[in-house]
Every structure is written in structure tokens, then in C-alpha cells.
């Protein structure tokens, strides 16, 4: 099967990091194609960036559907454009935030989320309520590190994330940690060993979940809210038909 992994921002280096993590998580026989839009913000940090990223994201989902991919992963922890992508696609579409929250809930009674900037916290809290997992999340924490700093090898981002995990264990009594940014995908395994608790990477969780949905023969329902878009003129946007 082929899984399309879409990084909704335009950072090529982050897309490559996401691709490496997705390939590592995929089962033998699964082919990962990782892409990012030609247009949109270079990082997604809050509601405004999410809105700017959606048209480019949907264009990539449409191309994947035309090519006949088995499933899609939206590799932004805010689950940017998830509902719109599901309306456009028949193949399963999974956001890395949703996948990570559910994975954490299966291995721990409570979990905390460690994300980048405080401005992203409300969106993640909203998603936790929407997914029915707010009561399982002890706290959404921000390390106040910009997303693109995760790409800088001389930044102190990793140390700040590890320190925030330690605080979550002590103050929140968190039993697991969810890393709240796709740019943290390469840190999960080592942080789990160093910090002594499960650390969930949403990219890996989403890839494995899409594989499971495909093997179960499940496609996106076209009844109700995820019905295919109605034909109409859309001015100034890519062709999504």
C-alpha cells in the first residue's frame, strides 16, 4: 500500500524528517510518499497559519486521491484541515494529533502534551474535547520554542522539551507524554528511554493507524459531514476535483 504523508507547511527539511519517521514506522510492503504544499506558511503556529495552510494541503490530498493512494496522514499536530481532507478523500485520512492522543490513551491512564508555543495550546485543547479525550489529558504544556527552532541543531529545544517532560511527570502526574509537533518526531524514542515513560510520536502513530484502517477495509464515509464536495465554481484556488 502507498500512504501519502502531507506536511501542511512548506518546510522541505521538516518534510524530510517526517518522511524518515514515517518510513521507520511503516510495515514491510508499505510505501511512504511525503510531500509539502508549494504554497502556505513555512510553519504552522496557531489558527491563522492553519487557515493559510489548508488550500495547499487539500491540493496534495486531491493529487493523492487521483493517484489512488491507500490512505493519507496529515502531519501537523493541530490536525490542520482534517475535516475538509476527509470530505475530499475516500481513502482514510488520519491527523497526527488525533492518532497520538488515542495511542496515549491506550497505554496510560493520563497523559500530558508537550508542544511548541503557547499560542498553539487552545487549538490542542479544543481538539482533545472534540475527540472525547480531554479528561484523559492532564495538561497541554508549551516549551515556548518556535517550530523552526526544532530544525536548528544549535538550539536548546531538545533540552527544554526534556525538562518540560520532567515537570509533567512531577506536577501533572502524567503517565505518558504526547509530543505536540511533527518537528519533534525524531525525539520520541530517546526521550522515552531517558524519561522513563511512554512518549508518543504522532507521525508514527498515524502511519500505523492508517495501515490498520486499510487492512480492515475501511474507507471514509461519504454520508453526512464527510460527503464529497458539491460541484461549484471556486475562484482563485487549485483544482481539487
C-alpha atoms as a PDB file:
ATOM      1  CA  UNK A   1       0.000   0.000   0.000  1.00  0.00           C
ATOM      2  CA  UNK A   2       1.047   3.611  -0.518  1.00  0.00           C
ATOM      3  CA  UNK A   3       0.422   6.157   2.236  1.00  0.00           C
ATOM      4  CA  UNK A   4       0.622   9.853   1.401  1.00  0.00           C
ATOM      5  CA  UNK A   5       2.056  11.886   4.276  1.00  0.00           C
ATOM      6  CA  UNK A   6       1.362  15.595   3.859  1.00  0.00           C
ATOM      7  CA  UNK A   7       3.284  18.152   5.882  1.00  0.00           C
ATOM      8  CA  UNK A   8       0.959  21.180   5.575  1.00  0.00           C
ATOM      9  CA  UNK A   9       3.778  23.694   5.975  1.00  0.00           C
ATOM     10  CA  UNK A  10       6.333  24.449   3.258  1.00  0.00           C
ATOM     11  CA  UNK A  11       9.498  23.438   5.146  1.00  0.00           C
ATOM     12  CA  UNK A  12      11.361  20.906   2.993  1.00  0.00           C
ATOM     13  CA  UNK A  13      13.702  19.903   5.819  1.00  0.00           C
ATOM     14  CA  UNK A  14      10.802  19.180   8.170  1.00  0.00           C
ATOM     15  CA  UNK A  15       9.056  17.175   5.450  1.00  0.00           C
ATOM     16  CA  UNK A  16      12.181  15.040   5.098  1.00  0.00           C
ATOM     17  CA  UNK A  17      12.362  14.498   8.866  1.00  0.00           C
ATOM     18  CA  UNK A  18       8.700  13.446   8.825  1.00  0.00           C
ATOM     19  CA  UNK A  19       9.333  11.104   5.891  1.00  0.00           C
ATOM     20  CA  UNK A  20      12.161   9.343   7.728  1.00  0.00           C
ATOM     21  CA  UNK A  21       9.967   8.821  10.808  1.00  0.00           C
ATOM     22  CA  UNK A  22       7.043   7.579   8.717  1.00  0.00           C
ATOM     23  CA  UNK A  23       9.216   5.089   6.834  1.00  0.00           C
ATOM     24  CA  UNK A  24      10.627   3.785  10.114  1.00  0.00           C
ATOM     25  CA  UNK A  25       7.112   3.199  11.483  1.00  0.00           C
ATOM     26  CA  UNK A  26       5.652   1.638   8.349  1.00  0.00           C
ATOM     27  CA  UNK A  27       5.230  -2.107   7.958  1.00  0.00           C
ATOM     28  CA  UNK A  28       7.075  -4.038   5.224  1.00  0.00           C
ATOM     29  CA  UNK A  29       5.225  -3.511   1.971  1.00  0.00           C
ATOM     30  CA  UNK A  30       4.011  -0.019   2.851  1.00  0.00           C
ATOM     31  CA  UNK A  31       5.390   2.758   0.656  1.00  0.00           C
ATOM     32  CA  UNK A  32       5.575   6.239   2.150  1.00  0.00           C
ATOM     33  CA  UNK A  33       5.322   9.330  -0.041  1.00  0.00           C
ATOM     34  CA  UNK A  34       5.953  12.550   1.886  1.00  0.00           C
ATOM     35  CA  UNK A  35       5.080  15.926   0.373  1.00  0.00           C
ATOM     36  CA  UNK A  36       4.509  19.532   1.353  1.00  0.00           C
ATOM     37  CA  UNK A  37       2.475  22.187  -0.500  1.00  0.00           C
ATOM     38  CA  UNK A  38       4.031  24.679  -2.866  1.00  0.00           C
ATOM     39  CA  UNK A  39       2.133  27.488  -1.129  1.00  0.00           C
ATOM     40  CA  UNK A  40       1.425  28.295   2.503  1.00  0.00           C
ATOM     41  CA  UNK A  41       3.265  29.219   5.704  1.00  0.00           C
ATOM     42  CA  UNK A  42       6.737  27.855   6.476  1.00  0.00           C
ATOM     43  CA  UNK A  43       5.489  26.758   9.894  1.00  0.00           C
ATOM     44  CA  UNK A  44       2.070  26.370  11.493  1.00  0.00           C
ATOM     45  CA  UNK A  45       1.776  28.131  14.829  1.00  0.00           C
ATOM     46  CA  UNK A  46      -1.824  28.984  15.616  1.00  0.00           C
ATOM     47  CA  UNK A  47      -5.173  29.446  13.900  1.00  0.00           C
ATOM     48  CA  UNK A  48      -4.048  31.970  11.289  1.00  0.00           C
ATOM     49  CA  UNK A  49      -1.304  29.708   9.939  1.00  0.00           C
ATOM     50  CA  UNK A  50      -3.708  26.774   9.895  1.00  0.00           C
ATOM     51  CA  UNK A  51      -6.126  28.663   7.664  1.00  0.00           C
ATOM     52  CA  UNK A  52      -3.361  29.662   5.242  1.00  0.00           C
ATOM     53  CA  UNK A  53      -2.134  26.061   5.008  1.00  0.00           C
ATOM     54  CA  UNK A  54      -5.454  24.395   4.150  1.00  0.00           C
ATOM     55  CA  UNK A  55      -5.700  25.138   0.373  1.00  0.00           C
ATOM     56  CA  UNK A  56      -2.228  23.747  -0.332  1.00  0.00           C
ATOM     57  CA  UNK A  57      -2.898  20.737   1.888  1.00  0.00           C
ATOM     58  CA  UNK A  58      -6.134  19.948   0.056  1.00  0.00           C
ATOM     59  CA  UNK A  59      -4.390  20.175  -3.313  1.00  0.00           C
ATOM     60  CA  UNK A  60      -1.936  17.492  -2.166  1.00  0.00           C
ATOM     61  CA  UNK A  61      -4.761  15.304  -0.839  1.00  0.00           C
ATOM     62  CA  UNK A  62      -6.565  15.643  -4.176  1.00  0.00           C
ATOM     63  CA  UNK A  63      -3.449  14.594  -6.082  1.00  0.00           C
ATOM     64  CA  UNK A  64      -3.061  11.587  -3.816  1.00  0.00           C
ATOM     65  CA  UNK A  65      -6.664  10.566  -4.378  1.00  0.00           C
ATOM     66  CA  UNK A  66      -6.217  10.851  -8.148  1.00  0.00           C
ATOM     67  CA  UNK A  67      -3.144   8.629  -7.902  1.00  0.00           C
ATOM     68  CA  UNK A  68      -5.091   6.096  -5.831  1.00  0.00           C
ATOM     69  CA  UNK A  69      -3.102   6.093  -2.581  1.00  0.00           C
ATOM     70  CA  UNK A  70      -4.377   3.771   0.133  1.00  0.00           C
ATOM     71  CA  UNK A  71      -4.520   6.437   2.825  1.00  0.00           C
ATOM     72  CA  UNK A  72      -3.377   9.878   3.934  1.00  0.00           C
ATOM     73  CA  UNK A  73      -1.617  11.284   7.008  1.00  0.00           C
ATOM     74  CA  UNK A  74      -1.845  14.992   7.871  1.00  0.00           C
ATOM     75  CA  UNK A  75       1.483  15.662   9.550  1.00  0.00           C
ATOM     76  CA  UNK A  76       0.604  18.734  11.578  1.00  0.00           C
ATOM     77  CA  UNK A  77      -0.232  18.229  15.223  1.00  0.00           C
ATOM     78  CA  UNK A  78      -3.109  20.727  15.062  1.00  0.00           C
ATOM     79  CA  UNK A  79      -4.766  18.311  12.586  1.00  0.00           C
ATOM     80  CA  UNK A  80      -4.935  21.186  10.127  1.00  0.00           C
ATOM     81  CA  UNK A  81      -7.702  20.790   7.549  1.00  0.00           C
ATOM     82  CA  UNK A  82      -8.618  17.291   8.735  1.00  0.00           C
ATOM     83  CA  UNK A  83     -12.380  17.513   8.209  1.00  0.00           C
ATOM     84  CA  UNK A  84     -12.005  19.155   4.803  1.00  0.00           C
ATOM     85  CA  UNK A  85      -9.497  16.491   3.750  1.00  0.00           C
ATOM     86  CA  UNK A  86     -11.892  13.734   4.793  1.00  0.00           C
ATOM     87  CA  UNK A  87     -14.619  15.362   2.727  1.00  0.00           C
ATOM     88  CA  UNK A  88     -12.302  15.324  -0.271  1.00  0.00           C
ATOM     89  CA  UNK A  89     -10.918  11.794   0.175  1.00  0.00           C
ATOM     90  CA  UNK A  90     -12.382   8.326   0.044  1.00  0.00           C
ATOM     91  CA  UNK A  91      -9.205   6.772   1.410  1.00  0.00           C
ATOM     92  CA  UNK A  92      -8.758   7.069   5.202  1.00  0.00           C
ATOM     93  CA  UNK A  93      -7.292  10.360   6.438  1.00  0.00           C
ATOM     94  CA  UNK A  94      -5.673  10.491   9.888  1.00  0.00           C
ATOM     95  CA  UNK A  95      -4.207  13.517  11.653  1.00  0.00           C
ATOM     96  CA  UNK A  96      -1.120  13.027  13.774  1.00  0.00           C
ATOM     97  CA  UNK A  97      -2.673  14.814  16.753  1.00  0.00           C
ATOM     98  CA  UNK A  98      -5.747  12.607  16.802  1.00  0.00           C
ATOM     99  CA  UNK A  99      -3.623   9.469  16.345  1.00  0.00           C
ATOM    100  CA  UNK A 100      -1.215  10.414  19.132  1.00  0.00           C
ATOM    101  CA  UNK A 101      -3.964  11.259  21.631  1.00  0.00           C
ATOM    102  CA  UNK A 102      -5.680   7.927  21.036  1.00  0.00           C
ATOM    103  CA  UNK A 103      -2.417   5.982  21.214  1.00  0.00           C
ATOM    104  CA  UNK A 104      -1.528   7.599  24.541  1.00  0.00           C
ATOM    105  CA  UNK A 105      -4.975   6.820  25.936  1.00  0.00           C
ATOM    106  CA  UNK A 106      -4.399   3.124  25.190  1.00  0.00           C
ATOM    107  CA  UNK A 107      -1.170   2.868  27.192  1.00  0.00           C
ATOM    108  CA  UNK A 108      -1.714   5.297  30.085  1.00  0.00           C
ATOM    109  CA  UNK A 109      -4.468   6.493  32.360  1.00  0.00           C
ATOM    110  CA  UNK A 110      -3.430  10.118  31.968  1.00  0.00           C
ATOM    111  CA  UNK A 111      -1.053  11.872  29.607  1.00  0.00           C
ATOM    112  CA  UNK A 112       0.339  15.355  29.104  1.00  0.00           C
ATOM    113  CA  UNK A 113       1.103  17.048  25.804  1.00  0.00           C
ATOM    114  CA  UNK A 114       4.349  18.937  25.233  1.00  0.00           C
ATOM    115  CA  UNK A 115       4.062  21.353  22.314  1.00  0.00           C
ATOM    116  CA  UNK A 116       5.997  24.314  20.934  1.00  0.00           C
ATOM    117  CA  UNK A 117       4.358  27.704  21.565  1.00  0.00           C
ATOM    118  CA  UNK A 118       1.642  28.741  23.985  1.00  0.00           C
ATOM    119  CA  UNK A 119      -0.435  30.133  21.122  1.00  0.00           C
ATOM    120  CA  UNK A 120      -0.970  26.521  19.939  1.00  0.00           C
ATOM    121  CA  UNK A 121      -2.347  25.307  23.273  1.00  0.00           C
ATOM    122  CA  UNK A 122      -6.004  26.392  22.770  1.00  0.00           C
ATOM    123  CA  UNK A 123      -6.261  24.545  19.444  1.00  0.00           C
ATOM    124  CA  UNK A 124      -4.944  21.348  21.001  1.00  0.00           C
ATOM    125  CA  UNK A 125      -7.272  21.683  23.992  1.00  0.00           C
ATOM    126  CA  UNK A 126     -10.184  22.147  21.596  1.00  0.00           C
ATOM    127  CA  UNK A 127      -9.192  19.006  19.703  1.00  0.00           C
ATOM    128  CA  UNK A 128      -8.951  16.981  22.903  1.00  0.00           C
ATOM    129  CA  UNK A 129     -12.537  17.945  23.753  1.00  0.00           C
ATOM    130  CA  UNK A 130     -13.664  17.137  20.230  1.00  0.00           C
ATOM    131  CA  UNK A 131     -12.026  13.706  20.338  1.00  0.00           C
ATOM    132  CA  UNK A 132     -13.510  12.943  23.766  1.00  0.00           C
ATOM    133  CA  UNK A 133     -10.100  12.706  25.440  1.00  0.00           C
ATOM    134  CA  UNK A 134      -9.909  15.953  27.418  1.00  0.00           C
ATOM    135  CA  UNK A 135     -10.486  14.109  30.683  1.00  0.00           C
ATOM    136  CA  UNK A 136      -7.509  11.852  29.969  1.00  0.00           C
ATOM    137  CA  UNK A 137      -5.113  14.733  29.330  1.00  0.00           C
ATOM    138  CA  UNK A 138      -3.631  16.199  32.491  1.00  0.00           C
ATOM    139  CA  UNK A 139      -2.254  19.297  30.789  1.00  0.00           C
ATOM    140  CA  UNK A 140      -1.125  20.759  27.480  1.00  0.00           C
ATOM    141  CA  UNK A 141       2.291  22.303  28.045  1.00  0.00           C
ATOM    142  CA  UNK A 142       4.299  24.642  25.803  1.00  0.00           C
ATOM    143  CA  UNK A 143       8.084  24.931  25.866  1.00  0.00           C
ATOM    144  CA  UNK A 144       7.944  28.300  24.046  1.00  0.00           C
ATOM    145  CA  UNK A 145      10.218  27.108  21.252  1.00  0.00           C
ATOM    146  CA  UNK A 146       9.252  28.118  17.683  1.00  0.00           C
ATOM    147  CA  UNK A 147       8.607  25.214  15.333  1.00  0.00           C
ATOM    148  CA  UNK A 148      11.540  26.091  13.083  1.00  0.00           C
ATOM    149  CA  UNK A 149      13.926  26.084  16.068  1.00  0.00           C
ATOM    150  CA  UNK A 150      13.416  22.318  16.153  1.00  0.00           C
ATOM    151  CA  UNK A 151      15.362  22.279  12.876  1.00  0.00           C
ATOM    152  CA  UNK A 152      18.299  24.216  14.356  1.00  0.00           C
ATOM    153  CA  UNK A 153      20.983  21.848  15.709  1.00  0.00           C
ATOM    154  CA  UNK A 154      22.432  24.531  17.980  1.00  0.00           C
ATOM    155  CA  UNK A 155      19.128  25.467  19.633  1.00  0.00           C
ATOM    156  CA  UNK A 156      18.275  24.294  23.137  1.00  0.00           C
ATOM    157  CA  UNK A 157      14.909  22.930  22.008  1.00  0.00           C
ATOM    158  CA  UNK A 158      15.613  19.299  22.911  1.00  0.00           C
ATOM    159  CA  UNK A 159      16.796  20.185  26.437  1.00  0.00           C
ATOM    160  CA  UNK A 160      13.722  22.338  27.020  1.00  0.00           C
ATOM    161  CA  UNK A 161      11.410  19.557  25.840  1.00  0.00           C
ATOM    162  CA  UNK A 162      13.080  17.044  28.156  1.00  0.00           C
ATOM    163  CA  UNK A 163      12.839  19.452  31.092  1.00  0.00           C
ATOM    164  CA  UNK A 164       9.138  20.005  30.380  1.00  0.00           C
ATOM    165  CA  UNK A 165       8.558  16.249  30.373  1.00  0.00           C
ATOM    166  CA  UNK A 166      10.182  16.042  33.796  1.00  0.00           C
ATOM    167  CA  UNK A 167       7.839  18.749  35.061  1.00  0.00           C
ATOM    168  CA  UNK A 168       4.840  16.942  33.570  1.00  0.00           C
ATOM    169  CA  UNK A 169       5.789  13.752  35.427  1.00  0.00           C
ATOM    170  CA  UNK A 170       6.176  15.583  38.722  1.00  0.00           C
ATOM    171  CA  UNK A 171       3.446  18.230  38.566  1.00  0.00           C
ATOM    172  CA  UNK A 172       0.805  16.589  36.348  1.00  0.00           C
ATOM    173  CA  UNK A 173       1.496  13.006  37.433  1.00  0.00           C
ATOM    174  CA  UNK A 174       1.465  12.215  33.728  1.00  0.00           C
ATOM    175  CA  UNK A 175       1.863   8.555  32.875  1.00  0.00           C
ATOM    176  CA  UNK A 176       2.719   9.207  29.221  1.00  0.00           C
ATOM    177  CA  UNK A 177       3.765  12.136  27.067  1.00  0.00           C
ATOM    178  CA  UNK A 178       2.479  13.149  23.655  1.00  0.00           C
ATOM    179  CA  UNK A 179       4.901  15.212  21.588  1.00  0.00           C
ATOM    180  CA  UNK A 180       2.789  18.028  20.191  1.00  0.00           C
ATOM    181  CA  UNK A 181       4.603  18.858  16.962  1.00  0.00           C
ATOM    182  CA  UNK A 182       5.624  16.907  13.872  1.00  0.00           C
ATOM    183  CA  UNK A 183       9.042  18.532  14.146  1.00  0.00           C
ATOM    184  CA  UNK A 184       9.641  16.533  17.342  1.00  0.00           C
ATOM    185  CA  UNK A 185       9.153  13.205  15.580  1.00  0.00           C
ATOM    186  CA  UNK A 186      12.822  12.198  15.811  1.00  0.00           C
ATOM    187  CA  UNK A 187      12.948  12.674  19.597  1.00  0.00           C
ATOM    188  CA  UNK A 188      10.334  10.208  20.843  1.00  0.00           C
ATOM    189  CA  UNK A 189      12.359   7.007  21.221  1.00  0.00           C
ATOM    190  CA  UNK A 190      15.292   8.589  23.014  1.00  0.00           C
ATOM    191  CA  UNK A 191      13.085  10.720  25.291  1.00  0.00           C
ATOM    192  CA  UNK A 192      11.084   7.638  26.302  1.00  0.00           C
ATOM    193  CA  UNK A 193      14.307   5.927  27.406  1.00  0.00           C
ATOM    194  CA  UNK A 194      15.711   8.976  29.175  1.00  0.00           C
ATOM    195  CA  UNK A 195      12.472   9.986  30.896  1.00  0.00           C
ATOM    196  CA  UNK A 196      11.142   6.548  31.826  1.00  0.00           C
ATOM    197  CA  UNK A 197       7.612   6.705  30.394  1.00  0.00           C
ATOM    198  CA  UNK A 198       5.884   6.212  27.036  1.00  0.00           C
ATOM    199  CA  UNK A 199       6.481   9.119  24.658  1.00  0.00           C
ATOM    200  CA  UNK A 200       4.130   9.134  21.678  1.00  0.00           C
ATOM    201  CA  UNK A 201       5.110  10.493  18.275  1.00  0.00           C
ATOM    202  CA  UNK A 202       2.043  11.314  16.211  1.00  0.00           C
ATOM    203  CA  UNK A 203       3.687  10.649  12.840  1.00  0.00           C
ATOM    204  CA  UNK A 204       4.430   7.025  13.714  1.00  0.00           C
ATOM    205  CA  UNK A 205       1.032   6.572  15.378  1.00  0.00           C
ATOM    206  CA  UNK A 206      -0.828   7.951  12.358  1.00  0.00           C
ATOM    207  CA  UNK A 207       1.036   5.784   9.844  1.00  0.00           C
ATOM    208  CA  UNK A 208       0.316   2.622  11.820  1.00  0.00           C
ATOM    209  CA  UNK A 209      -3.335   3.625  12.269  1.00  0.00           C
ATOM    210  CA  UNK A 210      -3.801   4.260   8.534  1.00  0.00           C
ATOM    211  CA  UNK A 211      -2.274   0.855   7.814  1.00  0.00           C
ATOM    212  CA  UNK A 212      -4.768  -0.731  10.210  1.00  0.00           C
ATOM    213  CA  UNK A 213      -7.747   1.053   8.626  1.00  0.00           C
ATOM    214  CA  UNK A 214      -6.668  -0.052   5.163  1.00  0.00           C
ATOM    215  CA  UNK A 215      -6.241  -3.651   6.293  1.00  0.00           C
ATOM    216  CA  UNK A 216      -9.702  -3.516   7.849  1.00  0.00           C
ATOM    217  CA  UNK A 217     -11.088  -2.379   4.508  1.00  0.00           C
ATOM    218  CA  UNK A 218     -12.417   0.886   5.935  1.00  0.00           C
ATOM    219  CA  UNK A 219     -12.813   3.989   3.801  1.00  0.00           C
ATOM    220  CA  UNK A 220     -14.049   7.469   4.678  1.00  0.00           C
ATOM    221  CA  UNK A 221     -17.839   7.582   4.935  1.00  0.00           C
ATOM    222  CA  UNK A 222     -19.454   9.790   2.334  1.00  0.00           C
ATOM    223  CA  UNK A 223     -22.633  10.247   4.362  1.00  0.00           C
ATOM    224  CA  UNK A 224     -23.214  13.378   6.416  1.00  0.00           C
ATOM    225  CA  UNK A 225     -20.392  15.806   7.087  1.00  0.00           C
ATOM    226  CA  UNK A 226     -17.785  13.941   5.049  1.00  0.00           C
ATOM    227  CA  UNK A 227     -19.932  13.857   1.893  1.00  0.00           C
ATOM    228  CA  UNK A 228     -17.967  14.710  -1.227  1.00  0.00           C
ATOM    229  CA  UNK A 229     -17.850  18.444  -2.096  1.00  0.00           C
ATOM    230  CA  UNK A 230     -20.666  19.761  -4.230  1.00  0.00           C
ATOM    231  CA  UNK A 231     -19.662  20.882  -7.732  1.00  0.00           C
ATOM    232  CA  UNK A 232     -19.377  24.656  -7.853  1.00  0.00           C
ATOM    233  CA  UNK A 233     -17.078  27.369  -9.082  1.00  0.00           C
ATOM    234  CA  UNK A 234     -14.181  28.068  -6.697  1.00  0.00           C
ATOM    235  CA  UNK A 235     -12.281  31.178  -7.724  1.00  0.00           C
ATOM    236  CA  UNK A 236      -8.558  31.529  -7.234  1.00  0.00           C
ATOM    237  CA  UNK A 237      -7.856  28.117  -5.697  1.00  0.00           C
ATOM    238  CA  UNK A 238      -6.252  24.947  -7.101  1.00  0.00           C
ATOM    239  CA  UNK A 239      -8.463  22.480  -8.932  1.00  0.00           C
ATOM    240  CA  UNK A 240      -9.498  19.948  -6.289  1.00  0.00           C
ATOM    241  CA  UNK A 241     -11.780  17.845  -8.480  1.00  0.00           C
END
